[in-house]
């Protein structure tokens, strides 16, 4: 997906309670991120020892048990034809092809009995696998 090495985002433990920052208004774009997702992406980026110049690439790849799978990677710069969004100082990159499959998708960070991780609420998905990382349109 990227010509340069990227770091995969893995589920991370929730940080200690801190005052909730008020996020900047959501930009117009193919996806939206909840304040909790933005917070956990920033925590992960810090744990990966990346500075604030690195943004999050959100993409759709062919594969997975349902046909497509979501991908989250850190990158330092957007590519040509990327949608570039910003959430509370976090840059988010979405390529034009992925944007078609992600239109209206909300990315959240959830904690549950099965662990913690990023959840994609994609209104375009007509089916998904049990693990929630792949989907069909």
N, C-alpha and C. Protein backbone atom coordinates (compact mmCIF):
# COMPACT_ATOMS: atom_id res chain seq x y z
N UNK A 1 0.80 -1.17 0.00
CA UNK A 1 0.00 0.00 0.00
C UNK A 1 0.86 1.25 0.00
N UNK A 2 2.05 1.19 0.58
CA UNK A 2 2.91 2.36 0.69
C UNK A 2 4.30 2.01 0.21
N UNK A 3 4.96 2.99 -0.43
CA UNK A 3 6.31 2.76 -0.90
C UNK A 3 7.30 2.80 0.25
N UNK A 4 6.92 3.41 1.36
CA UNK A 4 7.81 3.49 2.50
C UNK A 4 7.30 2.58 3.60
N UNK A 5 8.17 2.18 4.52
CA UNK A 5 7.72 1.32 5.61
C UNK A 5 6.65 2.02 6.42
N UNK A 6 5.67 1.25 6.86
CA UNK A 6 4.61 1.81 7.67
C UNK A 6 4.45 0.96 8.90
N UNK A 7 3.79 1.52 9.89
CA UNK A 7 3.54 0.80 11.13
C UNK A 7 2.08 0.40 11.17
N UNK A 8 1.80 -0.86 11.41
CA UNK A 8 0.44 -1.32 11.56
C UNK A 8 -0.07 -0.88 12.93
N UNK A 9 -1.32 -0.49 12.99
CA UNK A 9 -1.91 -0.09 14.26
C UNK A 9 -2.48 -1.33 14.91
N UNK A 10 -2.08 -1.59 16.13
CA UNK A 10 -2.57 -2.73 16.87
C UNK A 10 -3.39 -2.22 18.06
N UNK A 11 -4.24 -3.06 18.58
CA UNK A 11 -4.99 -2.68 19.76
C UNK A 11 -4.01 -2.40 20.88
N UNK A 12 -4.23 -1.30 21.59
CA UNK A 12 -3.35 -0.90 22.66
C UNK A 12 -4.16 -0.70 23.92
N UNK A 13 -3.51 -0.83 25.07
CA UNK A 13 -4.25 -0.60 26.30
C UNK A 13 -4.71 0.85 26.37
N UNK A 14 -5.83 1.05 27.01
CA UNK A 14 -6.36 2.40 27.14
C UNK A 14 -5.48 3.20 28.09
N UNK A 15 -5.16 4.46 27.73
CA UNK A 15 -4.32 5.27 28.60
C UNK A 15 -5.07 5.66 29.86
N UNK A 16 -4.32 6.14 30.84
CA UNK A 16 -4.92 6.59 32.08
C UNK A 16 -5.91 7.71 31.77
N UNK A 17 -6.90 7.84 32.63
CA UNK A 17 -7.93 8.85 32.40
C UNK A 17 -7.31 10.24 32.38
N UNK A 18 -7.66 11.00 31.38
CA UNK A 18 -7.22 12.38 31.26
C UNK A 18 -8.43 13.22 30.91
N UNK A 19 -8.35 14.51 31.14
CA UNK A 19 -9.50 15.34 30.75
C UNK A 19 -9.77 15.18 29.27
N UNK A 20 -11.04 15.04 28.92
CA UNK A 20 -11.44 14.82 27.52
C UNK A 20 -11.22 16.10 26.73
N UNK A 21 -10.40 16.02 25.69
CA UNK A 21 -10.16 17.16 24.82
C UNK A 21 -11.36 17.34 23.91
N UNK A 22 -11.67 18.56 23.61
CA UNK A 22 -12.76 18.84 22.69
C UNK A 22 -12.20 18.76 21.28
N UNK A 23 -12.68 17.81 20.47
CA UNK A 23 -12.12 17.67 19.12
C UNK A 23 -12.56 18.81 18.22
N UNK A 24 -11.76 19.03 17.20
CA UNK A 24 -12.15 20.01 16.19
C UNK A 24 -13.33 19.45 15.42
N UNK A 25 -14.15 20.30 14.83
CA UNK A 25 -15.30 19.77 14.06
C UNK A 25 -14.84 18.82 12.97
N UNK A 26 -15.64 17.79 12.73
CA UNK A 26 -15.30 16.80 11.70
C UNK A 26 -15.30 17.45 10.34
N UNK A 27 -14.27 17.20 9.55
CA UNK A 27 -14.23 17.75 8.20
C UNK A 27 -15.18 16.99 7.28
N UNK A 28 -15.50 17.61 6.16
CA UNK A 28 -16.28 16.91 5.14
C UNK A 28 -15.35 15.92 4.46
N UNK A 29 -15.75 14.69 4.36
CA UNK A 29 -14.91 13.69 3.71
C UNK A 29 -15.59 12.35 3.72
N UNK A 30 -14.91 11.34 3.21
CA UNK A 30 -15.53 10.01 3.08
C UNK A 30 -15.69 9.29 4.41
N UNK A 31 -14.93 9.66 5.43
CA UNK A 31 -14.99 8.96 6.71
C UNK A 31 -15.08 9.97 7.85
N UNK A 32 -15.43 9.45 9.02
CA UNK A 32 -15.36 10.25 10.24
C UNK A 32 -14.73 9.39 11.33
N UNK A 33 -14.08 10.05 12.27
CA UNK A 33 -13.46 9.38 13.40
C UNK A 33 -14.08 9.91 14.68
N UNK A 34 -14.37 9.01 15.61
CA UNK A 34 -14.87 9.45 16.91
C UNK A 34 -13.72 10.04 17.71
N UNK A 35 -14.02 10.87 18.71
CA UNK A 35 -12.94 11.41 19.56
C UNK A 35 -12.09 10.30 20.20
N UNK A 36 -12.71 9.18 20.58
CA UNK A 36 -11.96 8.07 21.19
C UNK A 36 -10.99 7.46 20.18
N UNK A 37 -11.42 7.31 18.92
CA UNK A 37 -10.53 6.78 17.89
C UNK A 37 -9.35 7.71 17.67
N UNK A 38 -9.61 9.01 17.60
CA UNK A 38 -8.52 9.99 17.41
C UNK A 38 -7.53 9.88 18.56
N UNK A 39 -8.04 9.81 19.78
CA UNK A 39 -7.18 9.71 20.96
C UNK A 39 -6.29 8.47 20.88
N UNK A 40 -6.88 7.32 20.54
CA UNK A 40 -6.11 6.08 20.53
C UNK A 40 -5.12 6.03 19.36
N UNK A 41 -5.45 6.66 18.24
CA UNK A 41 -4.50 6.73 17.12
C UNK A 41 -3.29 7.55 17.54
N UNK A 42 -3.53 8.65 18.24
CA UNK A 42 -2.43 9.49 18.72
C UNK A 42 -1.56 8.74 19.73
N UNK A 43 -2.19 7.98 20.61
CA UNK A 43 -1.44 7.18 21.60
C UNK A 43 -0.58 6.15 20.87
N UNK A 44 -1.15 5.48 19.89
CA UNK A 44 -0.41 4.47 19.14
C UNK A 44 0.75 5.09 18.38
N UNK A 45 0.51 6.23 17.76
CA UNK A 45 1.57 6.93 17.03
C UNK A 45 2.72 7.28 17.98
N UNK A 46 2.39 7.73 19.16
CA UNK A 46 3.42 8.06 20.16
C UNK A 46 4.18 6.80 20.59
N UNK A 47 3.46 5.70 20.80
CA UNK A 47 4.11 4.44 21.19
C UNK A 47 5.03 3.93 20.09
N UNK A 48 4.71 4.23 18.85
CA UNK A 48 5.56 3.83 17.72
C UNK A 48 6.71 4.81 17.50
N UNK A 49 6.81 5.81 18.39
CA UNK A 49 7.86 6.82 18.37
C UNK A 49 7.86 7.62 17.07
N UNK A 50 6.67 7.96 16.61
CA UNK A 50 6.50 8.82 15.44
C UNK A 50 6.07 10.19 15.90
N UNK A 51 6.53 11.22 15.20
CA UNK A 51 6.14 12.57 15.58
C UNK A 51 4.78 12.93 14.98
N UNK A 52 4.30 14.13 15.34
CA UNK A 52 2.97 14.57 14.93
C UNK A 52 2.83 14.77 13.42
N UNK A 53 3.94 14.77 12.69
CA UNK A 53 3.85 14.95 11.24
C UNK A 53 3.28 13.71 10.54
N UNK A 54 3.32 12.57 11.20
CA UNK A 54 2.78 11.34 10.61
C UNK A 54 1.26 11.33 10.75
N UNK A 55 0.61 11.05 9.63
CA UNK A 55 -0.84 10.94 9.61
C UNK A 55 -1.27 9.50 9.46
N UNK A 56 -2.56 9.29 9.54
CA UNK A 56 -3.13 7.95 9.43
C UNK A 56 -3.65 7.73 8.02
N UNK A 57 -3.21 6.65 7.39
CA UNK A 57 -3.79 6.25 6.10
C UNK A 57 -4.86 5.21 6.39
N UNK A 58 -6.07 5.50 5.88
CA UNK A 58 -7.20 4.57 5.98
C UNK A 58 -7.47 4.09 4.56
N UNK A 59 -7.48 2.78 4.36
CA UNK A 59 -7.63 2.24 3.01
C UNK A 59 -8.45 0.96 3.03
N UNK A 60 -8.86 0.57 1.83
CA UNK A 60 -9.53 -0.70 1.60
C UNK A 60 -8.64 -1.50 0.66
N UNK A 61 -8.41 -2.75 1.01
CA UNK A 61 -7.61 -3.65 0.17
C UNK A 61 -8.46 -4.86 -0.20
N UNK A 62 -8.14 -5.42 -1.33
CA UNK A 62 -8.77 -6.69 -1.70
C UNK A 62 -8.24 -7.78 -0.80
N UNK A 63 -9.10 -8.67 -0.36
CA UNK A 63 -8.67 -9.77 0.49
C UNK A 63 -9.63 -9.96 1.64
N UNK A 64 -9.20 -10.73 2.60
CA UNK A 64 -10.07 -11.03 3.73
C UNK A 64 -11.11 -12.06 3.34
N UNK A 65 -11.78 -12.63 4.30
CA UNK A 65 -12.73 -13.70 4.02
C UNK A 65 -14.02 -13.19 3.39
N UNK A 66 -14.27 -11.87 3.43
CA UNK A 66 -15.48 -11.34 2.83
C UNK A 66 -15.24 -10.58 1.52
N UNK A 67 -14.00 -10.48 1.06
CA UNK A 67 -13.71 -9.84 -0.21
C UNK A 67 -12.84 -8.60 -0.10
N UNK A 68 -13.08 -7.77 0.91
CA UNK A 68 -12.29 -6.57 1.14
C UNK A 68 -11.89 -6.53 2.60
N UNK A 69 -10.79 -5.82 2.88
CA UNK A 69 -10.38 -5.64 4.27
C UNK A 69 -9.93 -4.20 4.48
N UNK A 70 -10.09 -3.74 5.70
CA UNK A 70 -9.68 -2.39 6.08
C UNK A 70 -8.19 -2.40 6.41
N UNK A 71 -7.53 -1.29 6.12
CA UNK A 71 -6.11 -1.16 6.44
C UNK A 71 -5.88 0.19 7.09
N UNK A 72 -5.10 0.20 8.16
CA UNK A 72 -4.70 1.41 8.86
C UNK A 72 -3.18 1.41 8.94
N UNK A 73 -2.56 2.47 8.45
CA UNK A 73 -1.11 2.60 8.48
C UNK A 73 -0.76 4.05 8.78
N UNK A 74 0.44 4.27 9.28
CA UNK A 74 0.95 5.63 9.45
C UNK A 74 1.80 5.99 8.25
N UNK A 75 1.66 7.21 7.77
CA UNK A 75 2.49 7.73 6.68
C UNK A 75 2.81 9.19 6.97
N UNK A 76 3.94 9.63 6.43
CA UNK A 76 4.37 11.00 6.70
C UNK A 76 3.76 12.02 5.75
N UNK A 77 3.38 11.62 4.55
CA UNK A 77 2.86 12.56 3.56
C UNK A 77 1.68 11.95 2.80
N UNK A 78 0.74 12.80 2.38
CA UNK A 78 -0.34 12.29 1.52
C UNK A 78 0.18 12.01 0.12
N UNK A 79 -0.57 11.22 -0.63
CA UNK A 79 -0.25 10.94 -2.03
C UNK A 79 -1.14 11.80 -2.92
N UNK A 80 -0.78 11.87 -4.21
CA UNK A 80 -1.62 12.58 -5.16
C UNK A 80 -3.03 11.98 -5.13
N UNK A 81 -4.02 12.80 -5.23
CA UNK A 81 -5.44 12.40 -5.26
C UNK A 81 -5.98 11.86 -3.93
N UNK A 82 -5.24 12.02 -2.84
CA UNK A 82 -5.75 11.63 -1.52
C UNK A 82 -6.75 12.66 -1.02
N UNK A 83 -7.75 12.20 -0.30
CA UNK A 83 -8.55 13.09 0.54
C UNK A 83 -7.69 13.30 1.78
N UNK A 84 -7.49 14.52 2.19
CA UNK A 84 -6.71 14.81 3.40
C UNK A 84 -7.66 15.48 4.38
N UNK A 85 -7.89 14.80 5.50
CA UNK A 85 -8.81 15.27 6.53
C UNK A 85 -7.99 15.57 7.79
N UNK A 86 -8.54 16.35 8.69
CA UNK A 86 -7.84 16.61 9.95
C UNK A 86 -8.84 16.55 11.10
N UNK A 87 -8.47 15.79 12.12
CA UNK A 87 -9.27 15.63 13.32
C UNK A 87 -8.41 15.97 14.52
N UNK A 88 -8.70 17.08 15.17
CA UNK A 88 -7.99 17.48 16.37
C UNK A 88 -6.47 17.40 16.20
N UNK A 89 -5.98 17.90 15.06
CA UNK A 89 -4.55 17.91 14.77
C UNK A 89 -4.01 16.64 14.14
N UNK A 90 -4.82 15.61 13.97
CA UNK A 90 -4.41 14.36 13.35
C UNK A 90 -4.79 14.39 11.87
N UNK A 91 -3.80 14.29 10.98
CA UNK A 91 -4.09 14.21 9.55
C UNK A 91 -4.49 12.79 9.20
N UNK A 92 -5.49 12.67 8.32
CA UNK A 92 -5.98 11.37 7.87
C UNK A 92 -6.00 11.38 6.35
N UNK A 93 -5.41 10.35 5.74
CA UNK A 93 -5.31 10.24 4.29
C UNK A 93 -6.19 9.08 3.80
N UNK A 94 -7.00 9.37 2.77
CA UNK A 94 -7.83 8.33 2.17
C UNK A 94 -7.69 8.46 0.66
N UNK A 95 -7.25 7.39 -0.01
CA UNK A 95 -7.11 7.44 -1.47
C UNK A 95 -8.49 7.42 -2.12
N UNK A 96 -8.55 7.89 -3.35
CA UNK A 96 -9.83 8.07 -4.05
C UNK A 96 -10.59 6.76 -4.23
N UNK A 97 -9.91 5.67 -4.52
CA UNK A 97 -10.60 4.39 -4.71
C UNK A 97 -11.17 3.88 -3.39
N UNK A 98 -10.38 3.93 -2.33
CA UNK A 98 -10.88 3.50 -1.02
C UNK A 98 -12.06 4.36 -0.57
N UNK A 99 -12.01 5.65 -0.91
CA UNK A 99 -13.08 6.57 -0.50
C UNK A 99 -14.44 6.10 -0.99
N UNK A 100 -14.49 5.48 -2.16
CA UNK A 100 -15.76 4.98 -2.70
C UNK A 100 -16.36 3.90 -1.81
N UNK A 101 -15.52 3.02 -1.28
CA UNK A 101 -15.98 1.93 -0.42
C UNK A 101 -16.21 2.38 1.02
N UNK A 102 -15.57 3.49 1.41
CA UNK A 102 -15.64 3.97 2.78
C UNK A 102 -16.63 5.10 3.00
N UNK A 103 -17.27 5.59 1.94
CA UNK A 103 -18.17 6.75 2.05
C UNK A 103 -19.16 6.56 3.20
N UNK A 104 -19.16 7.50 4.13
CA UNK A 104 -20.08 7.46 5.26
C UNK A 104 -19.61 6.62 6.43
N UNK A 105 -18.43 6.03 6.35
CA UNK A 105 -17.93 5.15 7.41
C UNK A 105 -17.47 5.95 8.62
N UNK A 106 -17.85 5.47 9.79
CA UNK A 106 -17.37 6.02 11.05
C UNK A 106 -16.40 5.02 11.66
N UNK A 107 -15.23 5.51 12.07
CA UNK A 107 -14.25 4.66 12.75
C UNK A 107 -14.27 5.02 14.22
N UNK A 108 -14.45 4.01 15.05
CA UNK A 108 -14.53 4.18 16.50
C UNK A 108 -13.48 3.28 17.14
N UNK A 109 -13.21 3.51 18.40
CA UNK A 109 -12.36 2.62 19.19
C UNK A 109 -13.22 2.07 20.31
N UNK A 110 -13.30 0.76 20.40
CA UNK A 110 -14.19 0.14 21.37
C UNK A 110 -13.42 -0.80 22.30
N UNK A 111 -13.94 -0.90 23.52
CA UNK A 111 -13.43 -1.84 24.51
C UNK A 111 -14.54 -2.83 24.79
N UNK A 112 -14.20 -4.11 24.84
CA UNK A 112 -15.23 -5.11 25.08
C UNK A 112 -14.63 -6.37 25.67
N UNK A 113 -15.49 -7.35 25.86
CA UNK A 113 -15.08 -8.63 26.44
C UNK A 113 -14.06 -9.35 25.55
N UNK A 114 -14.12 -9.12 24.25
CA UNK A 114 -13.21 -9.77 23.32
C UNK A 114 -11.93 -8.96 23.09
N UNK A 115 -11.76 -7.87 23.81
CA UNK A 115 -10.57 -7.06 23.65
C UNK A 115 -10.92 -5.65 23.19
N UNK A 116 -9.92 -4.95 22.73
CA UNK A 116 -10.11 -3.57 22.30
C UNK A 116 -9.59 -3.42 20.88
N UNK A 117 -10.15 -2.46 20.17
CA UNK A 117 -9.66 -2.20 18.83
C UNK A 117 -10.54 -1.23 18.08
N UNK A 118 -10.15 -0.98 16.84
CA UNK A 118 -10.88 -0.05 16.00
C UNK A 118 -12.05 -0.76 15.33
N UNK A 119 -13.20 -0.10 15.33
CA UNK A 119 -14.40 -0.65 14.72
C UNK A 119 -14.83 0.26 13.58
N UNK A 120 -15.10 -0.34 12.43
CA UNK A 120 -15.55 0.38 11.25
C UNK A 120 -17.06 0.21 11.12
N UNK A 121 -17.80 1.30 11.19
CA UNK A 121 -19.24 1.28 10.98
C UNK A 121 -19.47 1.79 9.56
N UNK A 122 -19.51 0.83 8.61
CA UNK A 122 -19.56 1.15 7.19
C UNK A 122 -20.96 0.89 6.64
N UNK A 123 -21.68 1.95 6.25
CA UNK A 123 -23.04 1.76 5.74
C UNK A 123 -23.09 1.06 4.37
N UNK A 124 -21.95 0.96 3.70
CA UNK A 124 -21.90 0.31 2.38
C UNK A 124 -21.69 -1.20 2.47
N UNK A 125 -21.29 -1.70 3.62
CA UNK A 125 -21.01 -3.12 3.79
C UNK A 125 -22.32 -3.91 3.87
N UNK A 126 -22.45 -4.91 3.00
CA UNK A 126 -23.64 -5.76 3.02
C UNK A 126 -23.38 -7.06 3.76
N UNK A 127 -22.13 -7.31 4.10
CA UNK A 127 -21.76 -8.50 4.85
C UNK A 127 -20.38 -8.30 5.42
N UNK A 128 -20.08 -9.04 6.47
CA UNK A 128 -18.74 -8.96 7.06
C UNK A 128 -18.42 -10.29 7.71
N UNK A 129 -17.16 -10.47 8.05
CA UNK A 129 -16.74 -11.70 8.70
C UNK A 129 -16.91 -11.56 10.20
N UNK A 130 -16.69 -12.63 10.90
CA UNK A 130 -16.84 -12.62 12.35
C UNK A 130 -15.85 -11.73 13.07
N UNK A 131 -14.66 -11.58 12.51
CA UNK A 131 -13.65 -10.76 13.20
C UNK A 131 -13.86 -9.28 12.95
N UNK A 132 -14.66 -8.90 11.96
CA UNK A 132 -14.95 -7.50 11.69
C UNK A 132 -13.89 -6.75 10.90
N UNK A 133 -12.86 -7.45 10.43
CA UNK A 133 -11.81 -6.75 9.70
C UNK A 133 -11.98 -6.86 8.18
N UNK A 134 -12.94 -7.65 7.72
CA UNK A 134 -13.20 -7.71 6.29
C UNK A 134 -14.69 -7.55 6.05
N UNK A 135 -15.03 -7.15 4.80
CA UNK A 135 -16.42 -6.86 4.49
C UNK A 135 -16.69 -7.08 3.02
N UNK A 136 -17.97 -7.11 2.67
CA UNK A 136 -18.40 -7.25 1.27
C UNK A 136 -19.32 -6.06 0.94
N UNK A 137 -19.29 -5.64 -0.32
CA UNK A 137 -20.18 -4.56 -0.76
C UNK A 137 -21.08 -5.05 -1.86
